[in-house]
Amino acid sequence: MAILDNDGNRILAKYYDKNIFPTAKEQKAFEKNLFNKTHRANAEIIMLDGLTCVYRSNVDLFFYVMGSSHENELILMSVLNCLYDSVSQILRKNVEKRAVLDSLDIVMLAMDEICDGGIILDADATSVVQRVALRTDDIPLGEQTVAQSLIVLQSAKEQLKWSLLK
């Protein structure tokens, strides 16, 4: 899995098979080649260097999921959709380079929740986001959604009620 910017530079990448691209130099060369083949194309899938690569672009980011040539493309596409939808929910639909870099820790955690050691763990974006979600009391009040703010207010109301009843 990889996320590249609109110049083909790595934002985040996870390689699970050390036999295919053992060094960072080989990984970067593959990513450059992959980006050069896909950044102008309108397709969603490409065979490159014996790998099946599915991809999706948005604003200034390219999302990639790679698998062996024997891998089912539909499974790879469901992982790609899960990755993209998870990032979209985490960033509150603001999927662009700056936002990803600002929340890189949570995006990395989401990648780890989707796939571990090359084994797909989850392809449901909602459950991935729930597992990596920030606690609402850690988010500044100005950045919370109305629903999150109401939950915090209800919690404060309950605490006040119980402290007055003691």
C-alpha atoms as a PDB file:
ATOM      1  CA  MET A   1       0.000   0.000   0.000  1.00  0.00           C
ATOM      2  CA  ALA A   2       1.244   3.468  -0.811  1.00  0.00           C
ATOM      3  CA  ILE A   3       0.160   7.090  -0.850  1.00  0.00           C
ATOM      4  CA  LEU A   4       2.085   9.357  -3.222  1.00  0.00           C
ATOM      5  CA  ASP A   5       1.778  13.079  -3.853  1.00  0.00           C
ATOM      6  CA  ASN A   6       1.132  14.642  -7.268  1.00  0.00           C
ATOM      7  CA  ASP A   7       4.886  14.700  -8.009  1.00  0.00           C
ATOM      8  CA  GLY A   8       5.277  10.971  -7.359  1.00  0.00           C
ATOM      9  CA  ASN A   9       6.989  11.427  -3.983  1.00  0.00           C
ATOM     10  CA  ARG A  10       6.178   9.057  -1.152  1.00  0.00           C
ATOM     11  CA  ILE A  11       3.886  10.311   1.579  1.00  0.00           C
ATOM     12  CA  LEU A  12       3.402   6.899   3.144  1.00  0.00           C
ATOM     13  CA  ALA A  13       4.137   3.369   1.977  1.00  0.00           C
ATOM     14  CA  LYS A  14       4.015  -0.113   3.453  1.00  0.00           C
ATOM     15  CA  TYR A  15       5.775  -3.036   1.782  1.00  0.00           C
ATOM     16  CA  TYR A  16       5.145  -6.449   3.264  1.00  0.00           C
ATOM     17  CA  ASP A  17       7.302  -8.729   1.084  1.00  0.00           C
ATOM     18  CA  LYS A  18      10.996  -7.980   1.615  1.00  0.00           C
ATOM     19  CA  ASN A  19      11.930 -10.267  -1.307  1.00  0.00           C
ATOM     20  CA  ILE A  20      10.313  -8.064  -3.958  1.00  0.00           C
ATOM     21  CA  PHE A  21      11.718  -4.650  -2.981  1.00  0.00           C
ATOM     22  CA  PRO A  22      14.315  -5.262  -0.245  1.00  0.00           C
ATOM     23  CA  THR A  23      15.811  -1.745  -0.160  1.00  0.00           C
ATOM     24  CA  ALA A  24      14.321   1.725   0.073  1.00  0.00           C
ATOM     25  CA  LYS A  25      16.115   2.638  -3.157  1.00  0.00           C
ATOM     26  CA  GLU A  26      14.301  -0.131  -5.059  1.00  0.00           C
ATOM     27  CA  GLN A  27      10.995   0.871  -3.460  1.00  0.00           C
ATOM     28  CA  LYS A  28      11.447   4.507  -4.524  1.00  0.00           C
ATOM     29  CA  ALA A  29      12.372   3.447  -8.077  1.00  0.00           C
ATOM     30  CA  PHE A  30       9.228   1.279  -8.265  1.00  0.00           C
ATOM     31  CA  GLU A  31       7.084   4.136  -6.909  1.00  0.00           C
ATOM     32  CA  LYS A  32       8.507   6.571  -9.498  1.00  0.00           C
ATOM     33  CA  ASN A  33       7.833   4.062 -12.281  1.00  0.00           C
ATOM     34  CA  LEU A  34       4.330   3.358 -10.954  1.00  0.00           C
ATOM     35  CA  PHE A  35       3.526   7.050 -10.722  1.00  0.00           C
ATOM     36  CA  ASN A  36       4.854   7.746 -14.234  1.00  0.00           C
ATOM     37  CA  LYS A  37       2.628   4.983 -15.649  1.00  0.00           C
ATOM     38  CA  THR A  38      -0.522   5.989 -13.733  1.00  0.00           C
ATOM     39  CA  HIS A  39      -0.622   9.740 -13.143  1.00  0.00           C
ATOM     40  CA  ARG A  40      -2.137  10.528 -16.554  1.00  0.00           C
ATOM     41  CA  ALA A  41      -4.123   7.334 -17.039  1.00  0.00           C
ATOM     42  CA  ASN A  42      -7.863   7.032 -16.487  1.00  0.00           C
ATOM     43  CA  ALA A  43      -7.789   3.336 -15.572  1.00  0.00           C
ATOM     44  CA  GLU A  44      -8.009   1.856 -12.083  1.00  0.00           C
ATOM     45  CA  ILE A  45      -5.675  -1.098 -12.540  1.00  0.00           C
ATOM     46  CA  ILE A  46      -2.249  -1.769 -14.019  1.00  0.00           C
ATOM     47  CA  MET A  47       0.155  -4.694 -14.220  1.00  0.00           C
ATOM     48  CA  LEU A  48       3.684  -3.502 -13.458  1.00  0.00           C
ATOM     49  CA  ASP A  49       6.839  -5.462 -12.625  1.00  0.00           C
ATOM     50  CA  GLY A  50       4.800  -8.626 -12.087  1.00  0.00           C
ATOM     51  CA  LEU A  51       2.448  -6.900  -9.621  1.00  0.00           C
ATOM     52  CA  THR A  52      -1.224  -6.070  -9.885  1.00  0.00           C
ATOM     53  CA  CYS A  53      -1.666  -2.440  -8.855  1.00  0.00           C
ATOM     54  CA  VAL A  54      -4.998  -0.761  -8.266  1.00  0.00           C
ATOM     55  CA  TYR A  55      -5.043   2.963  -7.744  1.00  0.00           C
ATOM     56  CA  ARG A  56      -7.146   6.028  -7.184  1.00  0.00           C
ATOM     57  CA  SER A  57      -6.328   9.722  -7.271  1.00  0.00           C
ATOM     58  CA  ASN A  58      -7.814  12.651  -5.416  1.00  0.00           C
ATOM     59  CA  VAL A  59      -6.768  16.328  -5.603  1.00  0.00           C
ATOM     60  CA  ASP A  60      -2.990  16.012  -5.060  1.00  0.00           C
ATOM     61  CA  LEU A  61      -2.727  12.430  -3.790  1.00  0.00           C
ATOM     62  CA  PHE A  62      -2.524   8.987  -5.390  1.00  0.00           C
ATOM     63  CA  PHE A  63      -3.583   5.913  -3.391  1.00  0.00           C
ATOM     64  CA  TYR A  64      -2.148   2.536  -4.451  1.00  0.00           C
ATOM     65  CA  VAL A  65      -2.675  -1.047  -3.343  1.00  0.00           C
ATOM     66  CA  MET A  66      -0.357  -3.642  -4.865  1.00  0.00           C
ATOM     67  CA  GLY A  67      -0.519  -7.419  -4.839  1.00  0.00           C
ATOM     68  CA  SER A  68       0.998 -10.348  -6.677  1.00  0.00           C
ATOM     69  CA  SER A  69      -0.109 -11.086 -10.224  1.00  0.00           C
ATOM     70  CA  HIS A  70      -2.187 -13.975  -8.816  1.00  0.00           C
ATOM     71  CA  GLU A  71      -4.112 -11.716  -6.409  1.00  0.00           C
ATOM     72  CA  ASN A  72      -7.812 -11.087  -6.983  1.00  0.00           C
ATOM     73  CA  GLU A  73      -8.282  -7.556  -8.337  1.00  0.00           C
ATOM     74  CA  LEU A  74     -11.646  -7.156  -6.621  1.00  0.00           C
ATOM     75  CA  ILE A  75     -10.094  -7.874  -3.231  1.00  0.00           C
ATOM     76  CA  LEU A  76      -7.322  -5.361  -3.925  1.00  0.00           C
ATOM     77  CA  MET A  77      -9.949  -2.818  -4.983  1.00  0.00           C
ATOM     78  CA  SER A  78     -11.931  -3.346  -1.775  1.00  0.00           C
ATOM     79  CA  VAL A  79      -8.735  -2.722   0.241  1.00  0.00           C
ATOM     80  CA  LEU A  80      -8.070   0.420  -1.806  1.00  0.00           C
ATOM     81  CA  ASN A  81     -11.608   1.675  -1.234  1.00  0.00           C
ATOM     82  CA  CYS A  82     -11.285   0.944   2.473  1.00  0.00           C
ATOM     83  CA  LEU A  83      -7.985   2.843   2.639  1.00  0.00           C
ATOM     84  CA  TYR A  84      -9.362   5.832   0.761  1.00  0.00           C
ATOM     85  CA  ASP A  85     -12.673   5.934   2.662  1.00  0.00           C
ATOM     86  CA  SER A  86     -10.884   5.569   6.009  1.00  0.00           C
ATOM     87  CA  VAL A  87      -8.534   8.443   5.215  1.00  0.00           C
ATOM     88  CA  SER A  88     -11.480  10.486   3.965  1.00  0.00           C
ATOM     89  CA  GLN A  89     -13.408   9.929   7.206  1.00  0.00           C
ATOM     90  CA  ILE A  90     -10.361  10.573   9.394  1.00  0.00           C
ATOM     91  CA  LEU A  91      -9.658  13.848   7.558  1.00  0.00           C
ATOM     92  CA  ARG A  92     -13.342  14.800   7.463  1.00  0.00           C
ATOM     93  CA  LYS A  93     -13.527  14.616   3.638  1.00  0.00           C
ATOM     94  CA  ASN A  94     -10.494  16.951   3.296  1.00  0.00           C
ATOM     95  CA  VAL A  95      -8.307  14.427   1.454  1.00  0.00           C
ATOM     96  CA  GLU A  96      -5.257  16.395   0.375  1.00  0.00           C
ATOM     97  CA  LYS A  97      -1.513  16.273   1.003  1.00  0.00           C
ATOM     98  CA  ARG A  98      -1.367  18.886   3.783  1.00  0.00           C
ATOM     99  CA  ALA A  99      -4.199  17.243   5.759  1.00  0.00           C
ATOM    100  CA  VAL A 100      -2.639  13.770   5.398  1.00  0.00           C
ATOM    101  CA  LEU A 101       0.732  15.054   6.608  1.00  0.00           C
ATOM    102  CA  ASP A 102      -0.937  16.775   9.582  1.00  0.00           C
ATOM    103  CA  SER A 103      -2.664  13.521  10.579  1.00  0.00           C
ATOM    104  CA  LEU A 104       0.025  11.110   9.414  1.00  0.00           C
ATOM    105  CA  ASP A 105       0.044   9.159  12.690  1.00  0.00           C
ATOM    106  CA  ILE A 106      -3.655   8.303  12.451  1.00  0.00           C
ATOM    107  CA  VAL A 107      -3.407   7.501   8.723  1.00  0.00           C
ATOM    108  CA  MET A 108      -0.507   5.122   9.484  1.00  0.00           C
ATOM    109  CA  LEU A 109      -2.577   3.495  12.206  1.00  0.00           C
ATOM    110  CA  ALA A 110      -5.465   3.054   9.757  1.00  0.00           C
ATOM    111  CA  MET A 111      -3.108   1.382   7.265  1.00  0.00           C
ATOM    112  CA  ASP A 112      -1.966  -0.980  10.006  1.00  0.00           C
ATOM    113  CA  GLU A 113      -5.582  -1.787  10.895  1.00  0.00           C
ATOM    114  CA  ILE A 114      -6.419  -2.601   7.267  1.00  0.00           C
ATOM    115  CA  CYS A 115      -3.427  -4.826   6.524  1.00  0.00           C
ATOM    116  CA  ASP A 116      -0.828  -6.435   8.774  1.00  0.00           C
ATOM    117  CA  GLY A 117       2.139  -8.321   7.387  1.00  0.00           C
ATOM    118  CA  GLY A 118       0.474  -8.496   3.980  1.00  0.00           C
ATOM    119  CA  ILE A 119      -2.671 -10.104   5.394  1.00  0.00           C
ATOM    120  CA  ILE A 120      -5.888  -8.150   4.928  1.00  0.00           C
ATOM    121  CA  LEU A 121      -7.516  -7.673   8.316  1.00  0.00           C
ATOM    122  CA  ASP A 122     -10.408  -5.387   7.487  1.00  0.00           C
ATOM    123  CA  ALA A 123     -12.024  -3.868   4.410  1.00  0.00           C
ATOM    124  CA  ASP A 124     -14.748  -1.876   6.178  1.00  0.00           C
ATOM    125  CA  ALA A 125     -13.780   1.792   6.484  1.00  0.00           C
ATOM    126  CA  THR A 126     -16.237   2.502   9.309  1.00  0.00           C
ATOM    127  CA  SER A 127     -14.810  -0.163  11.615  1.00  0.00           C
ATOM    128  CA  VAL A 128     -11.236   0.918  10.782  1.00  0.00           C
ATOM    129  CA  VAL A 129     -12.050   4.531  11.641  1.00  0.00           C
ATOM    130  CA  GLN A 130     -13.738   3.474  14.893  1.00  0.00           C
ATOM    131  CA  ARG A 131     -10.618   1.574  15.957  1.00  0.00           C
ATOM    132  CA  VAL A 132      -8.271   4.471  15.218  1.00  0.00           C
ATOM    133  CA  ALA A 133     -10.662   7.246  16.271  1.00  0.00           C
ATOM    134  CA  LEU A 134      -9.471  10.030  18.483  1.00  0.00           C
ATOM    135  CA  ARG A 135     -11.170  10.454  21.813  1.00  0.00           C
ATOM    136  CA  THR A 136     -13.565  13.400  21.522  1.00  0.00           C
ATOM    137  CA  ASP A 137     -12.155  15.102  24.620  1.00  0.00           C
ATOM    138  CA  ASP A 138      -8.758  15.328  22.866  1.00  0.00           C
ATOM    139  CA  ILE A 139     -10.202  17.365  19.986  1.00  0.00           C
ATOM    140  CA  PRO A 140     -10.392  21.145  20.527  1.00  0.00           C
ATOM    141  CA  LEU A 141     -13.990  22.308  20.896  1.00  0.00           C
ATOM    142  CA  GLY A 142     -13.806  24.462  17.756  1.00  0.00           C
ATOM    143  CA  GLU A 143     -12.876  21.450  15.604  1.00  0.00           C
ATOM    144  CA  GLN A 144     -15.547  19.084  16.917  1.00  0.00           C
ATOM    145  CA  THR A 145     -18.685  18.287  14.987  1.00  0.00           C
ATOM    146  CA  VAL A 146     -22.042  19.226  16.450  1.00  0.00           C
ATOM    147  CA  ALA A 147     -22.718  15.603  17.439  1.00  0.00           C
ATOM    148  CA  GLN A 148     -19.359  15.321  19.211  1.00  0.00           C
ATOM    149  CA  SER A 149     -19.998  18.596  21.042  1.00  0.00           C
ATOM    150  CA  LEU A 150     -23.426  17.362  22.191  1.00  0.00           C
ATOM    151  CA  ILE A 151     -21.874  14.169  23.557  1.00  0.00           C
ATOM    152  CA  VAL A 152     -19.311  16.189  25.519  1.00  0.00           C
ATOM    153  CA  LEU A 153     -22.051  18.504  26.848  1.00  0.00           C
ATOM    154  CA  GLN A 154     -24.252  15.559  27.873  1.00  0.00           C
ATOM    155  CA  SER A 155     -21.297  13.978  29.653  1.00  0.00           C
ATOM    156  CA  ALA A 156     -20.561  17.238  31.495  1.00  0.00           C
ATOM    157  CA  LYS A 157     -24.263  17.549  32.420  1.00  0.00           C
ATOM    158  CA  GLU A 158     -24.256  14.005  33.859  1.00  0.00           C
ATOM    159  CA  GLN A 159     -21.097  14.686  35.865  1.00  0.00           C
ATOM    160  CA  LEU A 160     -22.571  17.916  37.256  1.00  0.00           C
ATOM    161  CA  LYS A 161     -25.828  16.158  38.162  1.00  0.00           C
ATOM    162  CA  TRP A 162     -24.004  13.385  40.047  1.00  0.00           C
ATOM    163  CA  SER A 163     -21.714  15.819  41.846  1.00  0.00           C
ATOM    164  CA  LEU A 164     -24.769  17.818  43.044  1.00  0.00           C
ATOM    165  CA  LEU A 165     -26.551  14.659  44.203  1.00  0.00           C
ATOM    166  CA  LYS A 166     -23.628  13.622  46.419  1.00  0.00           C
END
